[in-house]
Amino acid sequence: MKVVSGILVAVVMFMPILAMGAAHSDNGCASCHTPHKAVESTLVPLWNGAETTQTFTMYSSAHFDQLGIVSSGQPSGSSKLCLSCHDGTTNTSEIFADSNDVFGTNLSGSHPFSFVYDSTLAGKDPTLKDPSSASGLGGSIADDLLDDDGNVQCSSCHDPHTSAVAGTKALRYYYFSAKVTGVTQDRGTFCKTCHIR
């Protein structure tokens, strides 16, 4: 009886997490995680799959160059894990219902990512808020949206665990604004977390 009770408690405790993660694809949590034979990753526990090794064409612009943005030149950190499915070639067992979710290797039209967003950058660009500013998600932009190295990553705006919110492309803001205020707002509001205009 104790074992059954323990299992029921665990299921009830983790049900919201399972429900959120399960919406990211038909494979649920197993799309990204596996309890057995996981690939060793310092970024994600129990990683299920290969990390992309593709060479990508990243976002670039004269404005970006003018600001002297520090970039690895290729995706880094958790963005490499996102792209291991979204590059359309690495973990091909993941099939997306929407072909727009397979980006290929040309990311020049996407929002820039895998670059350092710090006070120095914000000081050079009057359209950016300082990352020490409040994010509206409970802490600062740096705490809530940047990785441990202060980089903007795919996960700055997207979270696969919140993809149960239909039609939101797993945008973090839809989840957090609804959780904090009870109101789901348009994504332009989320853009203004970092951008002044």
N, C-alpha and C. Protein backbone atom coordinates (compact mmCIF):
# COMPACT_ATOMS: atom_id res chain seq x y z
N MET A 1 0.82 -1.20 0.00
CA MET A 1 0.00 0.00 0.00
C MET A 1 0.87 1.27 0.00
N LYS A 2 1.99 1.23 0.78
CA LYS A 2 2.88 2.39 0.83
C LYS A 2 3.48 2.69 -0.54
N VAL A 3 3.83 1.62 -1.28
CA VAL A 3 4.42 1.79 -2.61
C VAL A 3 3.42 2.45 -3.55
N VAL A 4 2.18 1.97 -3.54
CA VAL A 4 1.13 2.54 -4.39
C VAL A 4 0.89 4.00 -4.03
N SER A 5 0.83 4.31 -2.73
CA SER A 5 0.64 5.70 -2.28
C SER A 5 1.77 6.58 -2.76
N GLY A 6 3.00 6.07 -2.64
CA GLY A 6 4.17 6.84 -3.08
C GLY A 6 4.12 7.14 -4.56
N ILE A 7 3.71 6.14 -5.35
CA ILE A 7 3.61 6.33 -6.80
C ILE A 7 2.54 7.38 -7.11
N LEU A 8 1.40 7.28 -6.45
CA LEU A 8 0.32 8.25 -6.68
C LEU A 8 0.76 9.67 -6.33
N VAL A 9 1.46 9.83 -5.21
CA VAL A 9 1.96 11.15 -4.81
C VAL A 9 2.92 11.69 -5.87
N ALA A 10 3.82 10.85 -6.35
CA ALA A 10 4.80 11.27 -7.37
C ALA A 10 4.08 11.69 -8.65
N VAL A 11 3.08 10.92 -9.06
CA VAL A 11 2.34 11.25 -10.29
C VAL A 11 1.63 12.58 -10.14
N VAL A 12 0.96 12.79 -9.00
CA VAL A 12 0.24 14.05 -8.77
C VAL A 12 1.21 15.23 -8.72
N MET A 13 2.34 15.05 -8.05
CA MET A 13 3.32 16.14 -7.93
C MET A 13 3.89 16.53 -9.28
N PHE A 14 4.18 15.54 -10.13
CA PHE A 14 4.85 15.83 -11.39
C PHE A 14 3.90 15.96 -12.57
N MET A 15 2.60 15.79 -12.34
CA MET A 15 1.66 15.85 -13.45
C MET A 15 1.72 17.17 -14.23
N PRO A 16 1.78 18.35 -13.56
CA PRO A 16 1.86 19.58 -14.34
C PRO A 16 3.09 19.62 -15.24
N ILE A 17 4.22 19.13 -14.73
CA ILE A 17 5.45 19.13 -15.52
C ILE A 17 5.30 18.16 -16.69
N LEU A 18 4.75 16.98 -16.41
CA LEU A 18 4.57 16.00 -17.47
C LEU A 18 3.61 16.51 -18.53
N ALA A 19 2.55 17.17 -18.11
CA ALA A 19 1.57 17.69 -19.07
C ALA A 19 2.20 18.75 -19.96
N MET A 20 3.04 19.61 -19.36
CA MET A 20 3.67 20.66 -20.16
C MET A 20 4.66 20.07 -21.13
N GLY A 21 5.54 19.20 -20.63
CA GLY A 21 6.57 18.64 -21.49
C GLY A 21 5.99 17.76 -22.58
N ALA A 22 4.91 17.08 -22.27
CA ALA A 22 4.33 16.15 -23.23
C ALA A 22 3.79 16.86 -24.45
N ALA A 23 3.48 18.13 -24.33
CA ALA A 23 2.90 18.85 -25.46
C ALA A 23 3.93 19.25 -26.49
N HIS A 24 5.23 19.17 -26.17
CA HIS A 24 6.24 19.62 -27.12
C HIS A 24 6.30 18.73 -28.35
N SER A 25 6.02 17.48 -28.20
CA SER A 25 5.94 16.59 -29.35
C SER A 25 5.12 15.37 -28.96
N ASP A 26 4.91 14.50 -29.92
CA ASP A 26 4.13 13.30 -29.65
C ASP A 26 4.84 12.35 -28.69
N ASN A 27 6.14 12.53 -28.50
CA ASN A 27 6.90 11.64 -27.63
C ASN A 27 6.96 12.12 -26.19
N GLY A 28 6.34 13.25 -25.89
CA GLY A 28 6.35 13.76 -24.52
C GLY A 28 7.76 14.02 -24.03
N CYS A 29 8.01 13.72 -22.78
CA CYS A 29 9.31 13.99 -22.16
C CYS A 29 10.44 13.27 -22.90
N ALA A 30 10.13 12.08 -23.47
CA ALA A 30 11.14 11.27 -24.13
C ALA A 30 11.73 11.94 -25.37
N SER A 31 11.09 13.00 -25.85
CA SER A 31 11.68 13.74 -26.98
C SER A 31 13.04 14.28 -26.59
N CYS A 32 13.17 14.71 -25.35
CA CYS A 32 14.43 15.33 -24.90
C CYS A 32 15.14 14.53 -23.81
N HIS A 33 14.39 13.76 -23.02
CA HIS A 33 14.96 13.07 -21.87
C HIS A 33 14.72 11.57 -21.95
N THR A 34 15.64 10.83 -21.37
CA THR A 34 15.44 9.38 -21.27
C THR A 34 16.05 8.89 -19.96
N PRO A 35 15.37 7.98 -19.26
CA PRO A 35 15.91 7.49 -17.99
C PRO A 35 17.04 6.47 -18.18
N HIS A 36 17.14 5.88 -19.38
CA HIS A 36 18.15 4.85 -19.62
C HIS A 36 19.01 5.21 -20.82
N LYS A 37 20.30 4.96 -20.71
CA LYS A 37 21.24 5.16 -21.81
C LYS A 37 21.24 6.61 -22.33
N ALA A 38 21.16 7.55 -21.41
CA ALA A 38 21.18 8.96 -21.81
C ALA A 38 22.55 9.34 -22.33
N VAL A 39 22.57 10.32 -23.25
CA VAL A 39 23.82 10.89 -23.74
C VAL A 39 24.31 11.86 -22.68
N GLU A 40 25.59 11.78 -22.34
CA GLU A 40 26.11 12.68 -21.30
C GLU A 40 26.06 14.12 -21.79
N SER A 41 25.43 14.99 -21.02
CA SER A 41 25.32 16.40 -21.36
C SER A 41 25.43 17.21 -20.09
N THR A 42 26.22 18.25 -20.14
CA THR A 42 26.33 19.13 -18.97
C THR A 42 25.19 20.13 -18.94
N LEU A 43 24.41 20.20 -20.02
CA LEU A 43 23.36 21.20 -20.13
C LEU A 43 21.99 20.68 -19.70
N VAL A 44 21.68 19.45 -20.05
CA VAL A 44 20.34 18.92 -19.79
C VAL A 44 20.46 17.54 -19.16
N PRO A 45 19.79 17.31 -18.03
CA PRO A 45 19.82 15.97 -17.43
C PRO A 45 19.16 14.94 -18.33
N LEU A 46 19.75 13.75 -18.36
CA LEU A 46 19.19 12.62 -19.09
C LEU A 46 18.87 12.96 -20.55
N TRP A 47 19.82 13.60 -21.23
CA TRP A 47 19.60 14.03 -22.61
C TRP A 47 19.42 12.83 -23.53
N ASN A 48 18.38 12.89 -24.36
CA ASN A 48 18.02 11.80 -25.25
C ASN A 48 18.27 12.23 -26.69
N GLY A 49 19.45 11.98 -27.18
CA GLY A 49 19.73 12.31 -28.58
C GLY A 49 21.12 12.86 -28.78
N ALA A 50 21.45 13.10 -30.02
CA ALA A 50 22.76 13.64 -30.37
C ALA A 50 22.69 15.17 -30.38
N GLU A 51 23.82 15.80 -30.13
CA GLU A 51 23.92 17.26 -30.21
C GLU A 51 24.25 17.62 -31.65
N THR A 52 23.62 18.65 -32.18
CA THR A 52 23.86 19.01 -33.58
C THR A 52 25.33 19.36 -33.82
N THR A 53 25.83 18.94 -34.95
CA THR A 53 27.19 19.29 -35.35
C THR A 53 27.17 20.07 -36.67
N GLN A 54 25.98 20.52 -37.07
CA GLN A 54 25.83 21.28 -38.31
C GLN A 54 26.57 22.62 -38.21
N THR A 55 26.94 23.16 -39.35
CA THR A 55 27.47 24.52 -39.42
C THR A 55 26.32 25.41 -39.88
N PHE A 56 26.03 26.43 -39.11
CA PHE A 56 24.87 27.28 -39.36
C PHE A 56 25.28 28.65 -39.89
N THR A 57 24.42 29.22 -40.72
CA THR A 57 24.56 30.62 -41.12
C THR A 57 23.77 31.40 -40.10
N MET A 58 24.49 32.19 -39.30
CA MET A 58 23.87 32.91 -38.20
C MET A 58 23.39 34.29 -38.63
N TYR A 59 22.57 34.89 -37.80
CA TYR A 59 22.09 36.26 -38.03
C TYR A 59 23.28 37.21 -38.09
N SER A 60 23.22 38.14 -39.00
CA SER A 60 24.24 39.21 -39.03
C SER A 60 23.60 40.46 -39.61
N SER A 61 24.11 41.61 -39.24
CA SER A 61 23.64 42.89 -39.76
C SER A 61 24.71 43.94 -39.51
N ALA A 62 24.61 45.04 -40.21
CA ALA A 62 25.55 46.15 -40.01
C ALA A 62 25.44 46.66 -38.58
N HIS A 63 24.22 46.71 -38.05
CA HIS A 63 24.00 47.19 -36.68
C HIS A 63 24.69 46.26 -35.68
N PHE A 64 24.56 44.98 -35.91
CA PHE A 64 25.19 43.97 -35.06
C PHE A 64 26.70 44.18 -35.05
N ASP A 65 27.27 44.36 -36.24
CA ASP A 65 28.72 44.57 -36.36
C ASP A 65 29.15 45.86 -35.68
N GLN A 66 28.33 46.90 -35.85
CA GLN A 66 28.61 48.21 -35.25
C GLN A 66 28.71 48.11 -33.73
N LEU A 67 27.87 47.29 -33.16
CA LEU A 67 27.84 47.14 -31.71
C LEU A 67 29.00 46.29 -31.20
N GLY A 68 29.68 45.60 -32.11
CA GLY A 68 30.80 44.74 -31.71
C GLY A 68 30.33 43.60 -30.83
N ILE A 69 29.21 43.01 -31.21
CA ILE A 69 28.62 41.95 -30.38
C ILE A 69 29.55 40.74 -30.32
N VAL A 70 29.74 40.26 -29.10
CA VAL A 70 30.60 39.11 -28.86
C VAL A 70 29.76 37.86 -29.12
N SER A 71 30.14 37.11 -30.13
CA SER A 71 29.39 35.91 -30.50
C SER A 71 30.36 34.77 -30.76
N SER A 72 29.86 33.56 -30.53
CA SER A 72 30.71 32.39 -30.79
C SER A 72 30.79 32.11 -32.29
N GLY A 73 29.93 32.77 -33.07
CA GLY A 73 29.90 32.53 -34.51
C GLY A 73 29.04 31.34 -34.89
N GLN A 74 28.73 30.50 -33.93
CA GLN A 74 27.86 29.34 -34.12
C GLN A 74 26.99 29.20 -32.86
N PRO A 75 25.91 28.45 -32.96
CA PRO A 75 25.08 28.24 -31.76
C PRO A 75 25.92 27.65 -30.63
N SER A 76 25.62 28.07 -29.43
CA SER A 76 26.33 27.56 -28.25
C SER A 76 25.31 27.17 -27.19
N GLY A 77 25.81 26.57 -26.13
CA GLY A 77 24.96 26.25 -24.99
C GLY A 77 23.72 25.45 -25.35
N SER A 78 22.63 25.78 -24.67
CA SER A 78 21.39 25.02 -24.84
C SER A 78 20.81 25.15 -26.24
N SER A 79 21.17 26.20 -26.97
CA SER A 79 20.65 26.37 -28.33
C SER A 79 21.09 25.22 -29.24
N LYS A 80 22.27 24.65 -28.97
CA LYS A 80 22.72 23.50 -29.77
C LYS A 80 21.81 22.31 -29.54
N LEU A 81 21.29 22.19 -28.33
CA LEU A 81 20.38 21.09 -28.04
C LEU A 81 19.04 21.31 -28.74
N CYS A 82 18.54 22.54 -28.72
CA CYS A 82 17.28 22.84 -29.43
C CYS A 82 17.44 22.52 -30.92
N LEU A 83 18.56 22.93 -31.47
CA LEU A 83 18.79 22.74 -32.90
C LEU A 83 19.06 21.28 -33.27
N SER A 84 19.33 20.44 -32.29
CA SER A 84 19.56 19.04 -32.61
C SER A 84 18.30 18.39 -33.16
N CYS A 85 17.14 18.97 -32.88
CA CYS A 85 15.90 18.52 -33.54
C CYS A 85 15.49 19.51 -34.61
N HIS A 86 15.59 20.79 -34.31
CA HIS A 86 15.07 21.81 -35.22
C HIS A 86 15.95 22.06 -36.44
N ASP A 87 17.14 21.45 -36.51
CA ASP A 87 17.94 21.57 -37.74
C ASP A 87 17.40 20.63 -38.83
N GLY A 88 16.55 19.70 -38.43
CA GLY A 88 15.91 18.81 -39.40
C GLY A 88 16.79 17.69 -39.91
N THR A 89 18.02 17.58 -39.39
CA THR A 89 18.91 16.53 -39.89
C THR A 89 19.52 15.66 -38.79
N THR A 90 19.62 16.16 -37.57
CA THR A 90 20.35 15.41 -36.54
C THR A 90 19.52 14.31 -35.91
N ASN A 91 18.51 14.66 -35.16
CA ASN A 91 17.66 13.66 -34.52
C ASN A 91 16.38 13.53 -35.35
N THR A 92 16.48 12.82 -36.44
CA THR A 92 15.38 12.79 -37.42
C THR A 92 14.18 11.98 -36.95
N SER A 93 14.28 11.35 -35.79
CA SER A 93 13.10 10.64 -35.27
C SER A 93 12.05 11.62 -34.79
N GLU A 94 12.46 12.89 -34.56
CA GLU A 94 11.49 13.90 -34.14
C GLU A 94 10.82 14.47 -35.38
N ILE A 95 9.53 14.31 -35.46
CA ILE A 95 8.78 14.81 -36.62
C ILE A 95 7.86 15.92 -36.13
N PHE A 96 7.94 17.06 -36.80
CA PHE A 96 7.14 18.21 -36.39
C PHE A 96 5.91 18.32 -37.27
N ALA A 97 4.78 18.61 -36.64
CA ALA A 97 3.54 18.77 -37.39
C ALA A 97 3.62 20.00 -38.28
N ASP A 98 4.33 21.01 -37.83
CA ASP A 98 4.44 22.26 -38.58
C ASP A 98 5.83 22.32 -39.20
N SER A 99 5.90 22.32 -40.53
CA SER A 99 7.21 22.33 -41.20
C SER A 99 8.00 23.60 -40.91
N ASN A 100 7.33 24.66 -40.45
CA ASN A 100 8.03 25.90 -40.07
C ASN A 100 8.91 25.70 -38.85
N ASP A 101 8.73 24.60 -38.13
CA ASP A 101 9.54 24.33 -36.94
C ASP A 101 10.85 23.65 -37.28
N VAL A 102 11.07 23.31 -38.54
CA VAL A 102 12.36 22.76 -38.99
C VAL A 102 13.08 23.89 -39.72
N PHE A 103 14.17 24.38 -39.11
CA PHE A 103 14.83 25.59 -39.60
C PHE A 103 15.93 25.34 -40.61
N GLY A 104 16.46 24.13 -40.67
CA GLY A 104 17.61 23.90 -41.52
C GLY A 104 18.84 24.58 -40.91
N THR A 105 19.79 24.93 -41.75
CA THR A 105 21.04 25.51 -41.23
C THR A 105 21.14 27.01 -41.47
N ASN A 106 20.16 27.61 -42.14
CA ASN A 106 20.20 29.05 -42.39
C ASN A 106 19.36 29.76 -41.34
N LEU A 107 20.03 30.34 -40.35
CA LEU A 107 19.36 31.03 -39.26
C LEU A 107 19.50 32.55 -39.38
N SER A 108 19.87 33.01 -40.57
CA SER A 108 20.13 34.43 -40.76
C SER A 108 18.89 35.29 -40.60
N GLY A 109 17.71 34.68 -40.73
CA GLY A 109 16.48 35.45 -40.57
C GLY A 109 15.86 35.32 -39.19
N SER A 110 16.51 34.59 -38.31
CA SER A 110 15.95 34.40 -36.96
C SER A 110 16.42 35.53 -36.04
N HIS A 111 15.79 35.60 -34.88
CA HIS A 111 16.29 36.52 -33.86
C HIS A 111 17.70 36.07 -33.51
N PRO A 112 18.66 36.99 -33.36
CA PRO A 112 20.02 36.55 -33.00
C PRO A 112 20.06 35.86 -31.64
N PHE A 113 20.95 34.89 -31.51
CA PHE A 113 21.14 34.20 -30.24
C PHE A 113 22.58 33.73 -30.16
N SER A 114 22.93 33.17 -29.01
CA SER A 114 24.31 32.74 -28.72
C SER A 114 25.28 33.93 -28.78
N PHE A 115 24.87 35.01 -28.15
CA PHE A 115 25.76 36.17 -28.00
C PHE A 115 25.57 36.75 -26.60
N VAL A 116 26.59 37.44 -26.13
CA VAL A 116 26.57 38.02 -24.79
C VAL A 116 25.71 39.29 -24.78
N TYR A 117 24.76 39.32 -23.86
CA TYR A 117 23.89 40.49 -23.65
C TYR A 117 24.21 41.00 -22.25
N ASP A 118 25.00 42.05 -22.19
CA ASP A 118 25.42 42.59 -20.90
C ASP A 118 25.23 44.10 -20.85
N SER A 119 25.63 44.70 -19.75
CA SER A 119 25.47 46.15 -19.56
C SER A 119 26.27 46.93 -20.60
N THR A 120 27.41 46.40 -21.01
CA THR A 120 28.23 47.08 -22.02
C THR A 120 27.47 47.16 -23.34
N LEU A 121 26.85 46.06 -23.74
CA LEU A 121 26.07 46.05 -24.98
C LEU A 121 24.88 47.00 -24.86
N ALA A 122 24.17 46.95 -23.74
CA ALA A 122 23.02 47.84 -23.54
C ALA A 122 23.44 49.30 -23.56
N GLY A 123 24.65 49.59 -23.08
CA GLY A 123 25.16 50.97 -23.09
C GLY A 123 25.46 51.47 -24.50
N LYS A 124 25.75 50.54 -25.42
CA LYS A 124 26.03 50.92 -26.82
C LYS A 124 24.77 51.07 -27.65
N ASP A 125 23.69 50.42 -27.22
CA ASP A 125 22.45 50.42 -28.00
C ASP A 125 21.30 50.97 -27.16
N PRO A 126 20.86 52.20 -27.45
CA PRO A 126 19.80 52.81 -26.64
C PRO A 126 18.44 52.12 -26.77
N THR A 127 18.32 51.16 -27.67
CA THR A 127 17.04 50.44 -27.82
C THR A 127 16.98 49.19 -26.94
N LEU A 128 18.08 48.89 -26.22
CA LEU A 128 18.11 47.72 -25.34
C LEU A 128 18.08 48.14 -23.88
N LYS A 129 17.37 47.39 -23.08
CA LYS A 129 17.36 47.62 -21.64
C LYS A 129 18.59 46.96 -21.03
N ASP A 130 19.06 47.51 -19.94
CA ASP A 130 20.17 46.89 -19.22
C ASP A 130 19.69 45.55 -18.68
N PRO A 131 20.49 44.49 -18.79
CA PRO A 131 20.03 43.17 -18.32
C PRO A 131 19.83 43.09 -16.81
N SER A 132 20.24 44.12 -16.08
CA SER A 132 19.95 44.13 -14.64
C SER A 132 18.52 44.63 -14.37
N SER A 133 17.83 45.09 -15.43
CA SER A 133 16.43 45.55 -15.31
C SER A 133 15.52 44.38 -14.96
N ALA A 134 14.41 44.71 -14.32
CA ALA A 134 13.42 43.68 -13.99
C ALA A 134 12.84 43.08 -15.26
N SER A 135 12.66 41.78 -15.24
CA SER A 135 12.12 41.09 -16.42
C SER A 135 10.60 41.03 -16.41
N GLY A 136 10.02 41.18 -15.24
CA GLY A 136 8.59 40.97 -15.11
C GLY A 136 8.26 39.51 -14.83
N LEU A 137 9.29 38.67 -14.77
CA LEU A 137 9.10 37.24 -14.51
C LEU A 137 9.57 36.85 -13.11
N GLY A 138 9.90 37.85 -12.31
CA GLY A 138 10.31 37.58 -10.94
C GLY A 138 11.69 38.05 -10.58
N GLY A 139 12.58 38.20 -11.56
CA GLY A 139 13.95 38.66 -11.30
C GLY A 139 14.37 39.63 -12.38
N SER A 140 15.67 39.67 -12.64
CA SER A 140 16.19 40.55 -13.68
C SER A 140 16.20 39.81 -15.02
N ILE A 141 16.42 40.56 -16.09
CA ILE A 141 16.56 39.95 -17.41
C ILE A 141 17.70 38.92 -17.37
N ALA A 142 18.81 39.30 -16.76
CA ALA A 142 19.97 38.40 -16.68
C ALA A 142 19.63 37.11 -15.93
N ASP A 143 18.91 37.24 -14.83
CA ASP A 143 18.57 36.07 -14.02
C ASP A 143 17.55 35.16 -14.69
N ASP A 144 16.55 35.77 -15.31
CA ASP A 144 15.41 35.00 -15.81
C ASP A 144 15.54 34.55 -17.26
N LEU A 145 16.33 35.28 -18.08
CA LEU A 145 16.30 35.00 -19.51
C LEU A 145 17.65 34.65 -20.14
N LEU A 146 18.75 34.91 -19.46
CA LEU A 146 20.06 34.64 -20.04
C LEU A 146 20.67 33.38 -19.43
N ASP A 147 21.58 32.74 -20.16
CA ASP A 147 22.23 31.56 -19.60
C ASP A 147 23.30 31.97 -18.59
N ASP A 148 23.98 31.01 -18.03
CA ASP A 148 24.96 31.29 -16.97
C ASP A 148 26.12 32.15 -17.45
N ASP A 149 26.36 32.19 -18.76
CA ASP A 149 27.44 33.02 -19.32
C ASP A 149 26.93 34.36 -19.82
N GLY A 150 25.66 34.68 -19.55
CA GLY A 150 25.09 35.96 -19.96
C GLY A 150 24.71 36.01 -21.42
N ASN A 151 24.51 34.84 -22.04
CA ASN A 151 24.15 34.77 -23.46
C ASN A 151 22.65 34.69 -23.66
N VAL A 152 22.18 35.33 -24.72
CA VAL A 152 20.83 35.10 -25.22
C VAL A 152 20.88 33.74 -25.92
N GLN A 153 19.93 32.88 -25.61
CA GLN A 153 19.84 31.58 -26.25
C GLN A 153 18.40 31.36 -26.70
N CYS A 154 18.15 30.29 -27.41
CA CYS A 154 16.76 29.96 -27.80
C CYS A 154 15.87 29.96 -26.55
N SER A 155 16.41 29.41 -25.47
CA SER A 155 15.65 29.29 -24.22
C SER A 155 15.40 30.63 -23.53
N SER A 156 15.99 31.70 -24.03
CA SER A 156 15.67 33.02 -23.48
C SER A 156 14.21 33.36 -23.76
N CYS A 157 13.72 32.94 -24.91
CA CYS A 157 12.34 33.25 -25.30
C CYS A 157 11.43 32.02 -25.33
N HIS A 158 12.01 30.85 -25.56
CA HIS A 158 11.22 29.63 -25.71
C HIS A 158 11.53 28.65 -24.60
N ASP A 159 10.52 27.91 -24.18
CA ASP A 159 10.70 26.88 -23.18
C ASP A 159 9.83 25.68 -23.57
N PRO A 160 10.45 24.55 -23.93
CA PRO A 160 9.66 23.40 -24.36
C PRO A 160 8.70 22.90 -23.28
N HIS A 161 8.98 23.23 -22.03
CA HIS A 161 8.12 22.77 -20.94
C HIS A 161 6.84 23.59 -20.84
N THR A 162 6.73 24.70 -21.57
CA THR A 162 5.52 25.51 -21.52
C THR A 162 4.71 25.36 -22.79
N SER A 163 5.07 24.42 -23.64
CA SER A 163 4.44 24.33 -24.95
C SER A 163 3.03 23.78 -24.92
N ALA A 164 2.53 23.47 -23.73
CA ALA A 164 1.14 23.04 -23.64
C ALA A 164 0.19 24.21 -23.92
N VAL A 165 0.70 25.43 -23.92
CA VAL A 165 -0.14 26.58 -24.26
C VAL A 165 -0.24 26.61 -25.78
N ALA A 166 -1.39 26.24 -26.30
CA ALA A 166 -1.56 26.02 -27.74
C ALA A 166 -1.26 27.26 -28.56
N GLY A 167 -0.53 27.06 -29.66
CA GLY A 167 -0.30 28.12 -30.63
C GLY A 167 0.69 29.18 -30.22
N THR A 168 1.47 28.94 -29.17
CA THR A 168 2.37 29.99 -28.69
C THR A 168 3.83 29.75 -29.04
N LYS A 169 4.13 28.69 -29.80
CA LYS A 169 5.51 28.36 -30.17
C LYS A 169 6.40 28.25 -28.94
N ALA A 170 5.84 27.80 -27.85
CA ALA A 170 6.57 27.60 -26.59
C ALA A 170 7.21 28.88 -26.08
N LEU A 171 6.61 30.02 -26.38
CA LEU A 171 7.15 31.28 -25.86
C LEU A 171 6.98 31.33 -24.35
N ARG A 172 8.05 31.63 -23.66
CA ARG A 172 8.05 31.67 -22.21
C ARG A 172 7.03 32.66 -21.66
N TYR A 173 6.87 33.78 -22.32
CA TYR A 173 6.05 34.86 -21.77
C TYR A 173 4.60 34.45 -21.60
N TYR A 174 4.08 33.69 -22.53
CA TYR A 174 2.68 33.29 -22.41
C TYR A 174 2.47 32.51 -21.12
N TYR A 175 3.42 31.67 -20.80
CA TYR A 175 3.31 30.86 -19.59
C TYR A 175 3.47 31.74 -18.35
N PHE A 176 4.55 32.53 -18.31
CA PHE A 176 4.84 33.28 -17.10
C PHE A 176 3.85 34.40 -16.84
N SER A 177 3.42 35.12 -17.88
CA SER A 177 2.47 36.20 -17.64
C SER A 177 1.16 35.65 -17.12
N ALA A 178 0.72 34.53 -17.68
CA ALA A 178 -0.52 33.93 -17.21
C ALA A 178 -0.36 33.42 -15.78
N LYS A 179 0.82 32.88 -15.50
CA LYS A 179 1.07 32.34 -14.16
C LYS A 179 1.13 33.47 -13.12
N VAL A 180 1.76 34.59 -13.50
CA VAL A 180 1.95 35.70 -12.55
C VAL A 180 0.71 36.56 -12.45
N THR A 181 0.10 36.91 -13.60
CA THR A 181 -1.00 37.87 -13.59
C THR A 181 -2.35 37.26 -13.92
N GLY A 182 -2.35 36.02 -14.41
CA GLY A 182 -3.60 35.42 -14.83
C GLY A 182 -4.05 35.86 -16.21
N VAL A 183 -3.22 36.70 -16.86
CA VAL A 183 -3.58 37.23 -18.17
C VAL A 183 -2.53 36.81 -19.20
N THR A 184 -2.96 36.27 -20.33
CA THR A 184 -2.06 35.95 -21.42
C THR A 184 -2.05 37.14 -22.37
N GLN A 185 -0.86 37.69 -22.64
CA GLN A 185 -0.76 38.88 -23.48
C GLN A 185 -0.03 38.55 -24.78
N ASP A 186 -0.04 39.51 -25.71
CA ASP A 186 0.61 39.26 -26.99
C ASP A 186 2.12 39.24 -26.83
N ARG A 187 2.80 38.59 -27.79
CA ARG A 187 4.25 38.39 -27.67
C ARG A 187 5.03 39.69 -27.80
N GLY A 188 4.43 40.73 -28.39
CA GLY A 188 5.11 42.02 -28.47
C GLY A 188 5.45 42.56 -27.09
N THR A 189 4.60 42.24 -26.13
CA THR A 189 4.87 42.66 -24.75
C THR A 189 6.13 41.99 -24.24
N PHE A 190 6.31 40.73 -24.59
CA PHE A 190 7.50 40.00 -24.16
C PHE A 190 8.76 40.58 -24.80
N CYS A 191 8.67 40.97 -26.07
CA CYS A 191 9.82 41.57 -26.76
C CYS A 191 10.31 42.80 -26.00
N LYS A 192 9.35 43.52 -25.40
CA LYS A 192 9.69 44.75 -24.68
C LYS A 192 10.33 44.47 -23.32
N THR A 193 10.49 43.21 -22.99
CA THR A 193 11.25 42.86 -21.79
C THR A 193 12.69 43.31 -21.96
N CYS A 194 13.25 43.13 -23.16
CA CYS A 194 14.64 43.50 -23.44
C CYS A 194 14.75 44.74 -24.34
N HIS A 195 13.78 44.88 -25.25
CA HIS A 195 13.82 45.98 -26.22
C HIS A 195 12.96 47.14 -25.75
N ILE A 196 13.50 48.35 -25.87
CA ILE A 196 12.75 49.53 -25.47
C ILE A 196 11.70 49.87 -26.53
N ARG A 197 11.98 49.57 -27.76
CA ARG A 197 10.97 49.79 -28.81
C ARG A 197 10.93 48.63 -29.76
